[in-house]
């Protein structure tokens, strides 16, 4: 067996690191991205501080479906201005590197995570005599709603155009979702082009690791062609 030449390891390590970075960037761009949950609008499905893995492939090559939890870009200033960078130049450079390899989301773009209640062609109404949301005439049961919350404290009727989705947080009493943005340019809808992907599972902390469930009542309603 031929022994490696002296210094060959020193040459190979940078190549390995660069290759790993390239693979990470490709994965981030086309397959999976990781996001930090900053608020309680999706409790108790997601807790503040949870880190979730988002399947970007799903958004590019399959339909976004009712009941799924999705991450999307702020469609029309729902979150206000992005926070200014903080920390030293070294800290900012480190954060920029982590953004590039997919460990951190891009701070220049605001993101939200909500559950899809209506897709293109749907009519979503609050509420029926039992206090449930009604999607295309079907009353839906929502076991994921935060304990003590109602499906919605405000009444509404929304017709979702093709190419858009209507989203709501599971913690309905603490979620400024589609209901609260009906006066924006998209009338509270989220363009499918702003959807980053489907949130598949919680990866951190270890005590919260789990796959995210889909709202079964919502997923069983036929989609209008």
N, C-alpha and C. Protein backbone atom coordinates (compact mmCIF):
# COMPACT_ATOMS: atom_id res chain seq x y z
N UNK A 1 0.85 -1.20 0.00
CA UNK A 1 0.00 0.00 0.00
C UNK A 1 0.88 1.24 0.00
N UNK A 2 0.57 2.16 -0.84
CA UNK A 2 1.37 3.38 -0.96
C UNK A 2 0.92 4.38 0.10
N UNK A 3 1.87 4.90 0.87
CA UNK A 3 1.56 5.88 1.90
C UNK A 3 1.30 7.24 1.27
N UNK A 4 0.39 8.02 1.87
CA UNK A 4 0.14 9.36 1.32
C UNK A 4 1.37 10.23 1.45
N UNK A 5 1.59 11.06 0.47
CA UNK A 5 2.73 11.96 0.49
C UNK A 5 2.57 13.00 1.58
N UNK A 6 3.69 13.42 2.10
CA UNK A 6 3.70 14.44 3.13
C UNK A 6 3.03 15.72 2.62
N UNK A 7 2.12 16.23 3.41
CA UNK A 7 1.44 17.46 3.02
C UNK A 7 0.17 17.25 2.23
N UNK A 8 -0.10 15.99 1.83
CA UNK A 8 -1.30 15.75 1.02
C UNK A 8 -2.58 16.00 1.82
N UNK A 9 -2.55 15.67 3.13
CA UNK A 9 -3.72 15.89 3.97
C UNK A 9 -4.04 17.38 4.07
N UNK A 10 -2.99 18.20 4.18
CA UNK A 10 -3.20 19.65 4.27
C UNK A 10 -3.85 20.19 3.02
N UNK A 11 -3.55 19.56 1.87
CA UNK A 11 -4.17 20.01 0.62
C UNK A 11 -5.60 19.51 0.50
N UNK A 12 -5.87 18.33 1.05
CA UNK A 12 -7.19 17.72 0.89
C UNK A 12 -8.24 18.33 1.81
N UNK A 13 -7.83 18.75 3.01
CA UNK A 13 -8.80 19.29 3.96
C UNK A 13 -9.56 20.50 3.39
N UNK A 14 -8.89 21.51 2.80
CA UNK A 14 -9.65 22.63 2.21
C UNK A 14 -10.60 22.18 1.11
N UNK A 15 -10.17 21.17 0.32
CA UNK A 15 -11.04 20.67 -0.75
C UNK A 15 -12.28 20.03 -0.16
N UNK A 16 -12.11 19.26 0.92
CA UNK A 16 -13.24 18.62 1.58
C UNK A 16 -14.20 19.66 2.14
N UNK A 17 -13.63 20.71 2.77
CA UNK A 17 -14.47 21.77 3.35
C UNK A 17 -15.26 22.49 2.27
N UNK A 18 -14.60 22.84 1.17
CA UNK A 18 -15.27 23.53 0.07
C UNK A 18 -16.36 22.64 -0.53
N UNK A 19 -16.07 21.35 -0.70
CA UNK A 19 -17.07 20.42 -1.25
C UNK A 19 -18.27 20.32 -0.33
N UNK A 20 -18.02 20.28 0.99
CA UNK A 20 -19.12 20.20 1.96
C UNK A 20 -19.98 21.46 1.90
N UNK A 21 -19.34 22.62 1.73
CA UNK A 21 -20.08 23.88 1.63
C UNK A 21 -20.94 23.90 0.37
N UNK A 22 -20.38 23.42 -0.73
CA UNK A 22 -21.13 23.39 -1.99
C UNK A 22 -22.35 22.49 -1.86
N UNK A 23 -22.15 21.31 -1.28
CA UNK A 23 -23.28 20.39 -1.08
C UNK A 23 -24.33 21.02 -0.20
N UNK A 24 -23.89 21.70 0.87
CA UNK A 24 -24.83 22.35 1.79
C UNK A 24 -25.64 23.43 1.08
N UNK A 25 -24.97 24.22 0.25
CA UNK A 25 -25.67 25.29 -0.48
C UNK A 25 -26.68 24.70 -1.47
N UNK A 26 -26.30 23.61 -2.15
CA UNK A 26 -27.22 22.96 -3.08
C UNK A 26 -28.44 22.42 -2.35
N UNK A 27 -28.21 21.77 -1.19
CA UNK A 27 -29.31 21.25 -0.39
C UNK A 27 -30.22 22.37 0.05
N UNK A 28 -29.62 23.48 0.53
CA UNK A 28 -30.41 24.63 0.98
C UNK A 28 -31.23 25.22 -0.17
N UNK A 29 -30.64 25.31 -1.34
CA UNK A 29 -31.29 25.96 -2.47
C UNK A 29 -32.44 25.13 -3.03
N UNK A 30 -32.26 23.81 -3.10
CA UNK A 30 -33.23 22.99 -3.82
C UNK A 30 -34.00 21.99 -2.96
N UNK A 31 -33.51 21.65 -1.78
CA UNK A 31 -34.14 20.55 -1.05
C UNK A 31 -34.67 20.95 0.32
N UNK A 32 -33.80 21.28 1.25
CA UNK A 32 -34.22 21.51 2.64
C UNK A 32 -33.62 22.81 3.16
N UNK A 33 -34.43 23.53 3.92
CA UNK A 33 -33.95 24.74 4.59
C UNK A 33 -34.42 24.66 6.04
N UNK A 34 -33.65 25.27 6.93
CA UNK A 34 -33.99 25.24 8.34
C UNK A 34 -34.38 26.63 8.82
N UNK A 35 -35.44 26.69 9.64
CA UNK A 35 -35.94 27.97 10.12
C UNK A 35 -36.15 27.92 11.62
N UNK A 36 -35.95 29.07 12.24
CA UNK A 36 -36.16 29.27 13.67
C UNK A 36 -37.55 29.84 13.88
N UNK A 37 -38.28 29.32 14.87
CA UNK A 37 -39.64 29.80 15.16
C UNK A 37 -39.54 30.91 16.21
N UNK A 38 -39.84 32.18 15.84
CA UNK A 38 -39.61 33.29 16.76
C UNK A 38 -40.82 33.67 17.61
N UNK A 39 -42.00 33.15 17.29
CA UNK A 39 -43.21 33.60 18.00
C UNK A 39 -44.10 32.42 18.37
N UNK A 40 -45.14 32.72 19.14
CA UNK A 40 -46.05 31.67 19.59
C UNK A 40 -47.29 31.51 18.73
N UNK A 41 -47.28 32.01 17.50
CA UNK A 41 -48.49 31.98 16.68
C UNK A 41 -48.88 30.58 16.21
N UNK A 42 -47.96 29.61 16.33
CA UNK A 42 -48.29 28.24 15.93
C UNK A 42 -48.32 27.27 17.11
N UNK A 43 -48.34 27.80 18.33
CA UNK A 43 -48.44 26.92 19.49
C UNK A 43 -49.79 26.17 19.47
N UNK A 44 -49.88 24.97 19.99
CA UNK A 44 -48.77 24.21 20.55
C UNK A 44 -48.11 23.28 19.53
N UNK A 45 -48.45 23.44 18.27
CA UNK A 45 -47.79 22.66 17.23
C UNK A 45 -46.31 22.98 17.20
N UNK A 46 -45.98 24.26 17.25
CA UNK A 46 -44.59 24.73 17.28
C UNK A 46 -44.42 25.67 18.47
N UNK A 47 -43.31 25.48 19.17
CA UNK A 47 -43.01 26.33 20.32
C UNK A 47 -41.99 27.40 19.93
N UNK A 48 -41.97 28.49 20.67
CA UNK A 48 -40.97 29.53 20.45
C UNK A 48 -39.58 28.91 20.64
N UNK A 49 -38.71 29.12 19.67
CA UNK A 49 -37.37 28.58 19.75
C UNK A 49 -37.17 27.27 19.01
N UNK A 50 -38.26 26.64 18.56
CA UNK A 50 -38.12 25.42 17.78
C UNK A 50 -37.40 25.72 16.46
N UNK A 51 -36.63 24.76 15.99
CA UNK A 51 -36.02 24.86 14.66
C UNK A 51 -36.67 23.79 13.79
N UNK A 52 -37.17 24.19 12.63
CA UNK A 52 -37.92 23.27 11.77
C UNK A 52 -37.22 23.07 10.43
N UNK A 53 -37.40 21.89 9.88
CA UNK A 53 -36.86 21.57 8.56
C UNK A 53 -37.97 21.75 7.54
N UNK A 54 -37.68 22.50 6.49
CA UNK A 54 -38.67 22.84 5.47
C UNK A 54 -38.29 22.18 4.15
N UNK A 55 -39.22 21.42 3.61
CA UNK A 55 -39.04 20.72 2.34
C UNK A 55 -39.32 21.70 1.19
N UNK A 56 -38.27 22.23 0.57
CA UNK A 56 -38.43 23.18 -0.53
C UNK A 56 -38.83 22.48 -1.82
N UNK A 57 -38.41 21.23 -1.95
CA UNK A 57 -38.72 20.44 -3.14
C UNK A 57 -40.24 20.35 -3.33
N UNK A 58 -40.95 20.23 -2.20
CA UNK A 58 -42.41 20.11 -2.26
C UNK A 58 -43.07 21.32 -2.90
N UNK A 59 -42.56 22.51 -2.57
CA UNK A 59 -43.14 23.73 -3.11
C UNK A 59 -42.85 23.88 -4.60
N UNK A 60 -41.72 23.33 -5.05
CA UNK A 60 -41.34 23.49 -6.45
C UNK A 60 -42.02 22.50 -7.37
N UNK A 61 -42.29 21.28 -6.87
CA UNK A 61 -42.74 20.23 -7.77
C UNK A 61 -44.03 19.54 -7.35
N UNK A 62 -44.70 20.04 -6.34
CA UNK A 62 -45.99 19.47 -5.96
C UNK A 62 -46.89 20.57 -5.43
N UNK A 63 -48.19 20.30 -5.38
CA UNK A 63 -49.14 21.30 -4.91
C UNK A 63 -49.06 21.45 -3.40
N UNK A 64 -49.21 22.70 -2.94
CA UNK A 64 -49.37 22.95 -1.51
C UNK A 64 -50.81 22.60 -1.17
N UNK A 65 -50.99 21.81 -0.13
CA UNK A 65 -52.32 21.29 0.19
C UNK A 65 -52.85 21.85 1.50
N UNK A 66 -54.17 21.83 1.62
CA UNK A 66 -54.82 22.26 2.86
C UNK A 66 -54.33 21.42 4.03
N UNK A 67 -54.22 22.05 5.18
CA UNK A 67 -53.82 21.34 6.39
C UNK A 67 -52.34 21.29 6.62
N UNK A 68 -51.53 21.58 5.59
CA UNK A 68 -50.07 21.54 5.74
C UNK A 68 -49.57 22.82 6.43
N UNK A 69 -48.47 22.67 7.15
CA UNK A 69 -47.78 23.83 7.73
C UNK A 69 -46.73 24.28 6.74
N UNK A 70 -46.75 25.55 6.38
CA UNK A 70 -45.82 26.06 5.38
C UNK A 70 -45.06 27.27 5.89
N UNK A 71 -43.88 27.49 5.33
CA UNK A 71 -43.10 28.69 5.57
C UNK A 71 -43.15 29.52 4.30
N UNK A 72 -43.37 30.83 4.45
CA UNK A 72 -43.47 31.70 3.28
C UNK A 72 -42.85 33.06 3.57
N UNK A 73 -42.44 33.73 2.50
CA UNK A 73 -41.91 35.08 2.63
C UNK A 73 -43.06 36.04 2.98
N UNK A 74 -42.73 37.06 3.73
CA UNK A 74 -43.72 38.07 4.08
C UNK A 74 -44.34 38.62 2.80
N UNK A 75 -45.65 38.40 2.57
CA UNK A 75 -46.25 38.78 1.28
C UNK A 75 -46.49 40.27 1.09
N UNK A 76 -46.70 41.00 2.18
CA UNK A 76 -46.95 42.44 2.02
C UNK A 76 -46.79 43.15 3.36
N UNK A 77 -45.55 43.10 3.89
CA UNK A 77 -45.21 43.83 5.11
C UNK A 77 -46.05 43.41 6.31
N UNK A 78 -46.35 42.12 6.43
CA UNK A 78 -47.08 41.63 7.59
C UNK A 78 -46.27 41.81 8.87
N UNK A 79 -44.95 41.73 8.76
CA UNK A 79 -44.09 41.78 9.94
C UNK A 79 -43.41 43.13 10.13
N UNK A 80 -43.66 44.08 9.23
CA UNK A 80 -42.97 45.36 9.33
C UNK A 80 -41.56 45.26 8.78
N UNK A 81 -40.75 46.26 9.06
CA UNK A 81 -39.39 46.32 8.53
C UNK A 81 -38.52 45.24 9.16
N UNK A 82 -37.59 44.70 8.37
CA UNK A 82 -36.64 43.70 8.88
C UNK A 82 -35.73 44.36 9.92
N UNK A 83 -35.38 43.64 10.97
CA UNK A 83 -34.50 44.21 12.00
C UNK A 83 -33.11 44.53 11.45
N UNK A 84 -32.51 45.60 11.96
CA UNK A 84 -31.17 45.99 11.52
C UNK A 84 -30.14 45.00 12.05
N UNK A 85 -29.06 44.77 11.29
CA UNK A 85 -28.00 43.86 11.76
C UNK A 85 -27.41 44.34 13.08
N UNK A 86 -27.09 43.39 13.96
CA UNK A 86 -26.51 43.72 15.25
C UNK A 86 -25.19 42.97 15.42
N UNK A 87 -24.38 43.42 16.38
CA UNK A 87 -23.13 42.73 16.68
C UNK A 87 -21.96 43.29 15.90
N UNK A 88 -20.79 42.74 16.16
CA UNK A 88 -19.56 43.19 15.51
C UNK A 88 -19.52 42.72 14.06
N UNK A 89 -18.54 43.25 13.33
CA UNK A 89 -18.38 42.86 11.92
C UNK A 89 -18.08 41.37 11.81
N UNK A 90 -17.28 40.86 12.74
CA UNK A 90 -16.95 39.43 12.73
C UNK A 90 -18.21 38.59 12.93
N UNK A 91 -19.05 39.02 13.89
CA UNK A 91 -20.30 38.30 14.15
C UNK A 91 -21.21 38.33 12.93
N UNK A 92 -21.30 39.49 12.28
CA UNK A 92 -22.14 39.61 11.09
C UNK A 92 -21.62 38.74 9.95
N UNK A 93 -20.29 38.69 9.80
CA UNK A 93 -19.71 37.85 8.75
C UNK A 93 -19.99 36.37 9.03
N UNK A 94 -19.90 35.98 10.31
CA UNK A 94 -20.19 34.59 10.68
C UNK A 94 -21.65 34.25 10.38
N UNK A 95 -22.56 35.17 10.74
CA UNK A 95 -23.97 34.95 10.46
C UNK A 95 -24.22 34.84 8.97
N UNK A 96 -23.53 35.68 8.18
CA UNK A 96 -23.69 35.64 6.73
C UNK A 96 -23.26 34.29 6.17
N UNK A 97 -22.16 33.74 6.72
CA UNK A 97 -21.70 32.43 6.28
C UNK A 97 -22.72 31.35 6.63
N UNK A 98 -23.30 31.43 7.83
CA UNK A 98 -24.30 30.45 8.25
C UNK A 98 -25.56 30.56 7.40
N UNK A 99 -25.89 31.78 6.96
CA UNK A 99 -27.02 31.96 6.04
C UNK A 99 -26.73 31.29 4.71
N UNK A 100 -25.52 31.46 4.21
CA UNK A 100 -25.13 30.90 2.91
C UNK A 100 -25.19 29.38 2.90
N UNK A 101 -24.85 28.75 4.03
CA UNK A 101 -24.85 27.28 4.06
C UNK A 101 -26.15 26.71 4.59
N UNK A 102 -27.14 27.61 4.87
CA UNK A 102 -28.46 27.12 5.22
C UNK A 102 -28.73 26.88 6.68
N UNK A 103 -27.77 27.21 7.57
CA UNK A 103 -27.98 27.00 9.00
C UNK A 103 -28.92 28.07 9.55
N UNK A 104 -28.80 29.31 9.02
CA UNK A 104 -29.68 30.40 9.44
C UNK A 104 -30.45 30.93 8.23
N UNK A 105 -31.71 31.40 8.45
CA UNK A 105 -32.44 32.04 7.35
C UNK A 105 -31.88 33.42 7.05
N UNK A 106 -32.14 33.91 5.85
CA UNK A 106 -31.65 35.22 5.43
C UNK A 106 -32.38 36.31 6.21
N UNK A 107 -31.67 37.11 7.03
CA UNK A 107 -32.34 38.15 7.82
C UNK A 107 -32.90 39.28 6.98
N UNK A 108 -32.47 39.39 5.73
CA UNK A 108 -32.98 40.45 4.86
C UNK A 108 -34.39 40.14 4.37
N UNK A 109 -34.79 38.90 4.50
CA UNK A 109 -36.13 38.49 4.09
C UNK A 109 -36.91 38.00 5.30
N UNK A 110 -38.09 38.55 5.50
CA UNK A 110 -38.93 38.15 6.62
C UNK A 110 -39.73 36.91 6.23
N UNK A 111 -39.81 35.95 7.16
CA UNK A 111 -40.54 34.71 6.90
C UNK A 111 -41.60 34.48 7.98
N UNK A 112 -42.66 33.78 7.59
CA UNK A 112 -43.71 33.40 8.52
C UNK A 112 -44.00 31.92 8.36
N UNK A 113 -44.56 31.32 9.41
CA UNK A 113 -44.98 29.92 9.35
C UNK A 113 -46.43 29.84 9.82
N UNK A 114 -47.28 29.25 8.99
CA UNK A 114 -48.72 29.13 9.29
C UNK A 114 -49.24 27.82 8.70
N UNK A 115 -50.49 27.54 9.00
CA UNK A 115 -51.15 26.36 8.44
C UNK A 115 -52.05 26.78 7.28
N UNK A 116 -52.03 25.99 6.22
CA UNK A 116 -52.86 26.27 5.04
C UNK A 116 -54.30 25.85 5.34
N UNK A 117 -55.21 26.80 5.25
CA UNK A 117 -56.63 26.51 5.48
C UNK A 117 -57.39 26.45 4.16
N UNK A 118 -57.05 27.31 3.23
CA UNK A 118 -57.72 27.32 1.93
C UNK A 118 -56.73 27.42 0.79
N UNK A 119 -57.04 26.75 -0.32
CA UNK A 119 -56.21 26.83 -1.52
C UNK A 119 -57.04 27.44 -2.65
N UNK A 120 -56.42 27.64 -3.80
CA UNK A 120 -57.10 28.29 -4.91
C UNK A 120 -58.43 27.64 -5.26
N UNK A 121 -59.48 28.45 -5.34
CA UNK A 121 -60.82 27.95 -5.65
C UNK A 121 -61.69 27.73 -4.43
N UNK A 122 -61.10 27.77 -3.23
CA UNK A 122 -61.84 27.53 -1.99
C UNK A 122 -62.58 28.78 -1.52
N UNK A 123 -63.62 28.54 -0.74
CA UNK A 123 -64.27 29.60 0.03
C UNK A 123 -64.17 29.21 1.50
N UNK A 124 -63.55 30.08 2.29
CA UNK A 124 -63.35 29.82 3.72
C UNK A 124 -64.24 30.78 4.50
N UNK A 125 -65.04 30.23 5.41
CA UNK A 125 -66.01 31.04 6.14
C UNK A 125 -65.90 30.77 7.64
N UNK A 126 -65.99 31.79 8.43
CA UNK A 126 -66.13 31.66 9.87
C UNK A 126 -67.46 32.30 10.28
N UNK A 127 -68.21 31.56 10.94
CA UNK A 127 -68.09 30.16 11.33
C UNK A 127 -69.48 29.56 11.26
N UNK A 128 -69.62 28.25 11.42
CA UNK A 128 -70.95 27.64 11.40
C UNK A 128 -71.57 27.70 12.80
N UNK A 129 -72.73 27.09 12.98
CA UNK A 129 -73.44 27.19 14.26
C UNK A 129 -72.68 26.53 15.40
N UNK A 130 -71.75 25.62 15.06
CA UNK A 130 -70.94 24.97 16.09
C UNK A 130 -69.64 25.74 16.36
N UNK A 131 -69.44 26.83 15.63
CA UNK A 131 -68.24 27.62 15.82
C UNK A 131 -67.05 27.12 15.04
N UNK A 132 -67.27 26.20 14.08
CA UNK A 132 -66.18 25.65 13.27
C UNK A 132 -66.00 26.45 11.98
N UNK A 133 -64.75 26.46 11.47
CA UNK A 133 -64.54 27.00 10.14
C UNK A 133 -65.24 26.11 9.12
N UNK A 134 -65.65 26.72 8.01
CA UNK A 134 -66.30 25.99 6.92
C UNK A 134 -65.50 26.25 5.65
N UNK A 135 -65.03 25.17 5.02
CA UNK A 135 -64.26 25.26 3.78
C UNK A 135 -65.04 24.56 2.67
N UNK A 136 -65.44 25.33 1.66
CA UNK A 136 -66.25 24.79 0.56
C UNK A 136 -67.49 24.05 1.07
N UNK A 137 -68.11 24.63 2.09
CA UNK A 137 -69.34 24.07 2.62
C UNK A 137 -69.15 22.95 3.62
N UNK A 138 -67.91 22.58 3.91
CA UNK A 138 -67.63 21.47 4.83
C UNK A 138 -67.13 22.02 6.16
N UNK A 139 -67.81 21.67 7.25
CA UNK A 139 -67.39 22.07 8.58
C UNK A 139 -66.17 21.23 8.98
N UNK A 140 -65.12 21.87 9.48
CA UNK A 140 -63.90 21.13 9.77
C UNK A 140 -63.56 21.12 11.26
N UNK A 141 -63.06 19.99 11.69
CA UNK A 141 -62.57 19.84 13.06
C UNK A 141 -61.07 20.12 13.07
N UNK A 142 -60.61 20.93 14.03
CA UNK A 142 -59.21 21.35 14.08
C UNK A 142 -58.60 21.04 15.44
N UNK A 143 -58.16 19.80 15.64
CA UNK A 143 -57.60 19.41 16.95
C UNK A 143 -56.29 20.08 17.29
N UNK A 144 -55.64 20.69 16.30
CA UNK A 144 -54.33 21.32 16.52
C UNK A 144 -54.46 22.73 17.09
N UNK A 145 -55.66 23.28 17.16
CA UNK A 145 -55.83 24.64 17.68
C UNK A 145 -55.43 24.71 19.15
N UNK A 146 -54.77 25.78 19.51
CA UNK A 146 -54.31 26.01 20.88
C UNK A 146 -55.47 25.88 21.86
N UNK A 147 -55.23 25.18 22.95
CA UNK A 147 -56.27 24.92 23.95
C UNK A 147 -56.87 26.23 24.47
N UNK A 148 -58.19 26.30 24.46
CA UNK A 148 -58.90 27.48 24.93
C UNK A 148 -59.22 28.48 23.85
N UNK A 149 -58.61 28.33 22.66
CA UNK A 149 -58.91 29.22 21.52
C UNK A 149 -60.13 28.71 20.75
N UNK A 150 -60.80 29.63 20.09
CA UNK A 150 -61.84 29.27 19.13
C UNK A 150 -61.21 29.28 17.74
N UNK A 151 -61.85 28.66 16.75
CA UNK A 151 -61.30 28.70 15.39
C UNK A 151 -61.05 30.12 14.89
N UNK A 152 -61.88 31.07 15.30
CA UNK A 152 -61.64 32.48 14.98
C UNK A 152 -62.55 33.35 15.83
N UNK A 153 -61.98 34.40 16.38
CA UNK A 153 -62.79 35.35 17.15
C UNK A 153 -63.51 36.34 16.26
N UNK A 154 -63.07 36.43 15.01
CA UNK A 154 -63.69 37.36 14.06
C UNK A 154 -64.35 36.59 12.93
N UNK A 155 -65.46 37.09 12.45
CA UNK A 155 -66.17 36.45 11.34
C UNK A 155 -65.58 36.92 10.01
N UNK A 156 -65.57 36.05 9.03
CA UNK A 156 -65.05 36.42 7.72
C UNK A 156 -65.55 35.43 6.68
N UNK A 157 -65.48 35.85 5.45
CA UNK A 157 -65.75 34.98 4.31
C UNK A 157 -64.74 35.34 3.23
N UNK A 158 -63.89 34.37 2.88
CA UNK A 158 -62.80 34.64 1.94
C UNK A 158 -62.86 33.67 0.77
N UNK A 159 -62.82 34.21 -0.43
CA UNK A 159 -62.73 33.40 -1.65
C UNK A 159 -61.29 33.42 -2.12
N UNK A 160 -60.67 32.26 -2.17
CA UNK A 160 -59.24 32.18 -2.48
C UNK A 160 -59.04 32.02 -3.99
N UNK A 161 -58.37 32.96 -4.63
CA UNK A 161 -58.13 32.84 -6.07
C UNK A 161 -57.05 31.80 -6.38
N UNK A 162 -57.03 31.33 -7.60
CA UNK A 162 -56.00 30.39 -8.03
C UNK A 162 -54.62 31.05 -7.88
N UNK A 163 -53.65 30.25 -7.45
CA UNK A 163 -52.31 30.77 -7.27
C UNK A 163 -52.06 31.37 -5.91
N UNK A 164 -53.04 31.23 -4.98
CA UNK A 164 -52.91 31.79 -3.64
C UNK A 164 -53.35 30.77 -2.59
N UNK A 165 -53.01 31.04 -1.33
CA UNK A 165 -53.50 30.24 -0.21
C UNK A 165 -53.96 31.17 0.90
N UNK A 166 -54.87 30.66 1.72
CA UNK A 166 -55.33 31.37 2.91
C UNK A 166 -54.74 30.64 4.11
N UNK A 167 -54.03 31.37 4.99
CA UNK A 167 -53.29 30.72 6.08
C UNK A 167 -53.73 31.26 7.43
N UNK A 168 -53.62 30.39 8.45
CA UNK A 168 -53.95 30.78 9.82
C UNK A 168 -52.99 30.08 10.77
N UNK A 169 -52.67 30.75 11.88
CA UNK A 169 -51.84 30.13 12.90
C UNK A 169 -52.66 29.21 13.78
N UNK A 170 -52.04 28.20 14.35
CA UNK A 170 -52.76 27.28 15.24
C UNK A 170 -53.13 27.94 16.56
N UNK A 171 -52.34 28.92 16.99
CA UNK A 171 -52.69 29.70 18.17
C UNK A 171 -53.50 30.90 17.69
N UNK A 172 -54.77 30.65 17.44
CA UNK A 172 -55.62 31.62 16.75
C UNK A 172 -55.72 32.95 17.47
N UNK A 173 -55.63 32.92 18.80
CA UNK A 173 -55.73 34.17 19.56
C UNK A 173 -54.46 34.99 19.56
N UNK A 174 -53.37 34.43 18.97
CA UNK A 174 -52.08 35.14 18.96
C UNK A 174 -51.43 35.10 17.59
N UNK A 175 -52.25 35.03 16.55
CA UNK A 175 -51.72 34.92 15.20
C UNK A 175 -52.30 36.00 14.30
N UNK A 176 -51.44 36.91 13.85
CA UNK A 176 -51.86 37.93 12.88
C UNK A 176 -51.71 37.34 11.48
N UNK A 177 -52.68 36.54 11.10
CA UNK A 177 -52.60 35.76 9.86
C UNK A 177 -53.46 36.39 8.76
N UNK A 178 -53.94 35.57 7.82
CA UNK A 178 -54.71 36.09 6.68
C UNK A 178 -55.90 36.94 7.11
N UNK A 179 -56.49 36.59 8.24
CA UNK A 179 -57.68 37.33 8.72
C UNK A 179 -57.40 38.81 8.94
N UNK A 180 -56.16 39.13 9.31
CA UNK A 180 -55.83 40.49 9.72
C UNK A 180 -55.18 41.32 8.62
N UNK A 181 -55.13 40.77 7.42
CA UNK A 181 -54.45 41.48 6.33
C UNK A 181 -55.32 41.55 5.06
N UNK A 182 -56.62 41.56 5.25
CA UNK A 182 -57.52 41.57 4.10
C UNK A 182 -57.53 42.91 3.37
N UNK A 183 -56.86 43.91 3.94
CA UNK A 183 -56.78 45.21 3.25
C UNK A 183 -55.44 45.40 2.54
N UNK A 184 -54.60 44.34 2.52
CA UNK A 184 -53.33 44.49 1.82
C UNK A 184 -53.50 44.19 0.33
N UNK A 185 -52.39 44.22 -0.41
CA UNK A 185 -52.47 44.09 -1.86
C UNK A 185 -53.03 42.73 -2.29
N UNK A 186 -52.83 41.69 -1.47
CA UNK A 186 -53.32 40.35 -1.81
C UNK A 186 -54.59 39.98 -1.05
N UNK A 187 -55.16 40.93 -0.32
CA UNK A 187 -56.38 40.73 0.46
C UNK A 187 -56.24 39.58 1.46
N UNK A 188 -55.07 39.50 2.06
CA UNK A 188 -54.82 38.49 3.08
C UNK A 188 -54.33 37.17 2.54
N UNK A 189 -54.34 36.99 1.25
CA UNK A 189 -53.87 35.74 0.64
C UNK A 189 -52.35 35.75 0.52
N UNK A 190 -51.78 34.56 0.43
CA UNK A 190 -50.34 34.42 0.23
C UNK A 190 -50.10 33.85 -1.16
N UNK A 191 -49.38 34.55 -2.03
CA UNK A 191 -49.08 34.00 -3.36
C UNK A 191 -48.25 32.73 -3.24
N UNK A 192 -48.56 31.74 -4.05
CA UNK A 192 -47.79 30.49 -4.02
C UNK A 192 -46.31 30.74 -4.31
N UNK A 193 -46.02 31.79 -5.07
CA UNK A 193 -44.63 32.12 -5.37
C UNK A 193 -43.84 32.56 -4.16
N UNK A 194 -44.53 32.94 -3.08
CA UNK A 194 -43.85 33.34 -1.85
C UNK A 194 -43.64 32.17 -0.89
N UNK A 195 -44.20 31.02 -1.21
CA UNK A 195 -44.07 29.86 -0.33
C UNK A 195 -42.69 29.23 -0.50
N UNK A 196 -41.94 29.13 0.60
CA UNK A 196 -40.62 28.52 0.57
C UNK A 196 -40.73 27.01 0.51
N UNK A 197 -41.65 26.45 1.29
CA UNK A 197 -41.82 25.01 1.29
C UNK A 197 -42.70 24.53 2.43
N UNK A 198 -42.83 23.23 2.52
CA UNK A 198 -43.65 22.58 3.53
C UNK A 198 -42.80 22.25 4.75
N UNK A 199 -43.23 22.70 5.92
CA UNK A 199 -42.53 22.38 7.16
C UNK A 199 -42.82 20.91 7.50
N UNK A 200 -41.77 20.09 7.51
CA UNK A 200 -41.95 18.64 7.67
C UNK A 200 -41.78 18.17 9.10
N UNK A 201 -40.73 18.65 9.79
CA UNK A 201 -40.52 18.17 11.15
C UNK A 201 -39.69 19.15 11.97
N UNK A 202 -39.80 18.98 13.28
CA UNK A 202 -39.04 19.78 14.24
C UNK A 202 -37.71 19.05 14.47
N UNK A 203 -36.61 19.76 14.29
CA UNK A 203 -35.30 19.14 14.44
C UNK A 203 -34.59 19.55 15.73
N UNK A 204 -35.08 20.60 16.39
CA UNK A 204 -34.46 21.07 17.62
C UNK A 204 -35.47 21.86 18.42
N UNK A 205 -35.48 21.76 19.75
CA UNK A 205 -34.61 20.94 20.59
C UNK A 205 -34.97 19.45 20.53
N UNK A 206 -34.08 18.61 21.04
CA UNK A 206 -34.28 17.17 20.95
C UNK A 206 -35.60 16.73 21.58
N UNK A 207 -36.00 17.41 22.65
CA UNK A 207 -37.24 17.03 23.34
C UNK A 207 -38.48 17.29 22.51
N UNK A 208 -38.36 18.10 21.44
CA UNK A 208 -39.51 18.43 20.59
C UNK A 208 -39.47 17.72 19.23
N UNK A 209 -38.44 16.91 18.98
CA UNK A 209 -38.30 16.30 17.66
C UNK A 209 -39.54 15.49 17.30
N UNK A 210 -40.14 15.82 16.17
CA UNK A 210 -41.34 15.11 15.72
C UNK A 210 -41.70 15.59 14.31
N UNK A 211 -42.48 14.76 13.60
CA UNK A 211 -43.02 15.17 12.31
C UNK A 211 -44.25 16.02 12.54
N UNK A 212 -44.48 16.98 11.67
CA UNK A 212 -45.64 17.87 11.79
C UNK A 212 -46.84 17.23 11.10
N UNK A 213 -47.93 17.16 11.82
CA UNK A 213 -49.12 16.51 11.28
C UNK A 213 -49.89 17.44 10.36
N UNK A 214 -50.65 16.83 9.48
CA UNK A 214 -51.52 17.55 8.54
C UNK A 214 -52.94 17.53 9.08
N UNK A 215 -53.67 18.63 8.89
CA UNK A 215 -55.07 18.65 9.30
C UNK A 215 -55.91 17.71 8.44
N UNK A 216 -56.34 16.60 9.01
CA UNK A 216 -56.99 15.55 8.21
C UNK A 216 -58.34 15.98 7.63
N UNK A 217 -59.15 16.71 8.41
CA UNK A 217 -60.43 17.17 7.87
C UNK A 217 -60.21 18.05 6.65
N UNK A 218 -59.22 18.91 6.72
CA UNK A 218 -58.92 19.80 5.60
C UNK A 218 -58.42 19.03 4.39
N UNK A 219 -57.56 18.04 4.62
CA UNK A 219 -56.95 17.31 3.51
C UNK A 219 -57.94 16.43 2.78
N UNK A 220 -59.08 16.11 3.42
CA UNK A 220 -60.05 15.21 2.78
C UNK A 220 -61.04 15.95 1.86
N UNK A 221 -61.06 17.28 1.93
CA UNK A 221 -61.99 18.03 1.07
C UNK A 221 -61.46 18.05 -0.36
N UNK A 222 -62.27 17.67 -1.34
CA UNK A 222 -61.78 17.66 -2.73
C UNK A 222 -61.33 19.06 -3.18
N UNK A 223 -60.26 19.09 -3.95
CA UNK A 223 -59.75 20.36 -4.48
C UNK A 223 -60.44 20.65 -5.81
N UNK A 224 -60.92 21.87 -5.97
CA UNK A 224 -61.57 22.25 -7.21
C UNK A 224 -60.57 22.38 -8.34
N UNK A 225 -60.88 21.82 -9.48
CA UNK A 225 -59.99 21.89 -10.66
C UNK A 225 -60.28 23.15 -11.47
